[in-house]
Amino acid sequence: QVQLVESGGGLVQAGGSLRLSCVASESVFTMGWYRQAPGKQRDMVAIMSYGGNRNYTDSVKGRFTISRDNAKRTVYLQMNSLKPEDTGVYYCNAVTGRGASWGQGTQVTVSS
């Protein structure tokens, strides 16, 4: 099991920005971010392969940017133009040959 440590969540007004970070305990294939709003399922926000391929859910395209530093085993999520509907717990996800691992989650709250 890969250990993942997230940071960077918080409370921000609509239109503001936040940057999430997640450090993995070892090198991984794909890293990404998922979001779980209250009463809803956990959904993919953005994922990035080791080679640099990115995938975003439609609602964040043009506002969020995922990046990673493979040497530091870290993935980032730059979130701009935040909206109240972006509120939720953001979970870091990492995939290796042994399967998927999850971080503990970090709360992001966007006030209107």
Protein backbone atom coordinates (compact mmCIF):
# COMPACT_ATOMS: atom_id res chain seq x y z
CA GLN A 1 0.00 0.00 0.00
CA VAL A 2 1.35 3.41 -1.02
CA GLN A 3 1.17 6.08 1.66
CA LEU A 4 -0.21 9.41 0.44
CA VAL A 5 -0.09 12.67 2.38
CA GLU A 6 -2.25 15.53 1.17
CA SER A 7 -2.13 19.22 2.01
CA GLY A 8 -3.51 22.52 0.81
CA GLY A 9 -7.24 22.42 1.40
CA GLY A 10 -9.17 25.18 3.11
CA LEU A 11 -11.90 27.77 2.90
CA VAL A 12 -11.96 30.21 -0.01
CA GLN A 13 -14.46 32.59 -1.55
CA ALA A 14 -15.92 31.93 -4.97
CA GLY A 15 -13.49 33.03 -7.66
CA GLY A 16 -10.50 32.31 -5.48
CA SER A 17 -7.71 29.79 -5.84
CA LEU A 18 -6.22 26.91 -3.90
CA ARG A 19 -3.37 24.50 -4.55
CA LEU A 20 -3.45 20.93 -3.33
CA SER A 21 -0.38 18.76 -2.95
CA CYS A 22 0.03 15.04 -2.41
CA VAL A 23 3.27 13.21 -1.68
CA ALA A 24 3.57 9.48 -2.28
CA SER A 25 5.83 7.16 -0.29
CA GLU A 26 7.10 5.53 -3.49
CA SER A 27 7.07 5.98 -7.25
CA VAL A 28 3.66 5.35 -8.81
CA PHE A 29 2.13 5.10 -12.27
CA THR A 30 -0.92 7.33 -12.25
CA MET A 31 -1.67 9.99 -9.66
CA GLY A 32 -4.78 12.05 -9.41
CA TRP A 33 -7.48 13.77 -7.45
CA TYR A 34 -11.02 12.72 -6.69
CA ARG A 35 -13.75 14.73 -5.02
CA GLN A 36 -16.62 13.73 -2.78
CA ALA A 37 -19.33 16.27 -2.10
CA PRO A 38 -21.69 15.80 0.86
CA GLY A 39 -24.15 13.02 0.13
CA LYS A 40 -22.59 12.17 -3.22
CA GLN A 41 -20.21 9.57 -4.58
CA ARG A 42 -16.51 10.10 -5.04
CA ASP A 43 -15.77 11.27 -8.59
CA MET A 44 -12.62 11.83 -10.58
CA VAL A 45 -11.47 15.44 -10.88
CA ALA A 46 -8.11 15.10 -12.62
CA ILE A 47 -5.55 12.36 -13.18
CA MET A 48 -2.07 12.33 -14.66
CA SER A 49 0.09 9.48 -15.85
CA TYR A 50 3.78 9.13 -15.08
CA GLY A 51 4.49 10.13 -18.67
CA GLY A 52 2.45 13.31 -18.47
CA ASN A 53 -0.93 12.48 -19.96
CA ARG A 54 -3.72 14.40 -18.26
CA ASN A 55 -7.43 13.84 -17.98
CA TYR A 56 -9.99 16.21 -16.40
CA THR A 57 -13.65 15.99 -15.63
CA ASP A 58 -15.57 18.42 -17.82
CA SER A 59 -16.66 20.73 -15.00
CA VAL A 60 -13.07 21.75 -14.13
CA LYS A 61 -11.54 22.06 -17.58
CA GLY A 62 -9.98 25.49 -18.04
CA ARG A 63 -10.00 26.15 -14.29
CA PHE A 64 -7.95 23.35 -12.70
CA THR A 65 -4.48 22.19 -13.65
CA ILE A 66 -2.90 18.95 -12.53
CA SER A 67 0.86 18.56 -12.52
CA ARG A 68 3.40 16.26 -10.95
CA ASP A 69 7.03 16.12 -10.01
CA ASN A 70 8.09 12.51 -10.40
CA ALA A 71 11.42 13.07 -8.67
CA LYS A 72 9.53 14.29 -5.60
CA ARG A 73 6.73 11.73 -6.01
CA THR A 74 4.30 14.62 -5.73
CA VAL A 75 1.15 15.58 -7.57
CA TYR A 76 -0.40 19.04 -7.47
CA LEU A 77 -3.82 20.41 -8.27
CA GLN A 78 -3.99 24.12 -8.98
CA MET A 79 -7.59 25.21 -8.64
CA ASN A 80 -8.57 28.62 -10.00
CA SER A 81 -11.92 30.37 -10.40
CA LEU A 82 -13.36 28.16 -7.69
CA LYS A 83 -17.12 27.74 -7.48
CA PRO A 84 -19.33 26.67 -4.56
CA GLU A 85 -20.02 23.41 -6.41
CA ASP A 86 -16.30 22.58 -6.12
CA THR A 87 -16.82 22.11 -2.38
CA GLY A 88 -16.01 18.67 -1.06
CA VAL A 89 -13.34 16.41 0.31
CA TYR A 90 -10.53 15.98 -2.17
CA TYR A 91 -8.74 12.65 -2.13
CA CYS A 92 -5.38 11.89 -3.66
CA ASN A 93 -5.20 8.61 -5.57
CA ALA A 94 -2.18 6.68 -6.76
CA VAL A 95 -1.95 3.55 -8.85
CA THR A 96 0.87 1.02 -8.91
CA GLY A 97 1.13 -2.53 -10.12
CA ARG A 98 -0.27 -3.61 -6.76
CA GLY A 99 -3.44 -1.56 -7.12
CA ALA A 100 -4.80 1.79 -5.99
CA SER A 101 -4.17 3.73 -2.80
CA TRP A 102 -5.98 6.69 -1.29
CA GLY A 103 -5.00 9.61 0.88
CA GLN A 104 -6.94 10.67 3.95
CA GLY A 105 -8.64 13.54 2.13
CA THR A 106 -8.49 17.29 2.48
CA GLN A 107 -11.52 19.55 2.79
CA VAL A 108 -12.11 22.29 0.23
CA THR A 109 -14.94 24.70 0.96
CA VAL A 110 -15.90 27.44 -1.48
CA SER A 111 -18.25 30.08 -0.13
CA SER A 112 -20.57 32.09 -2.36
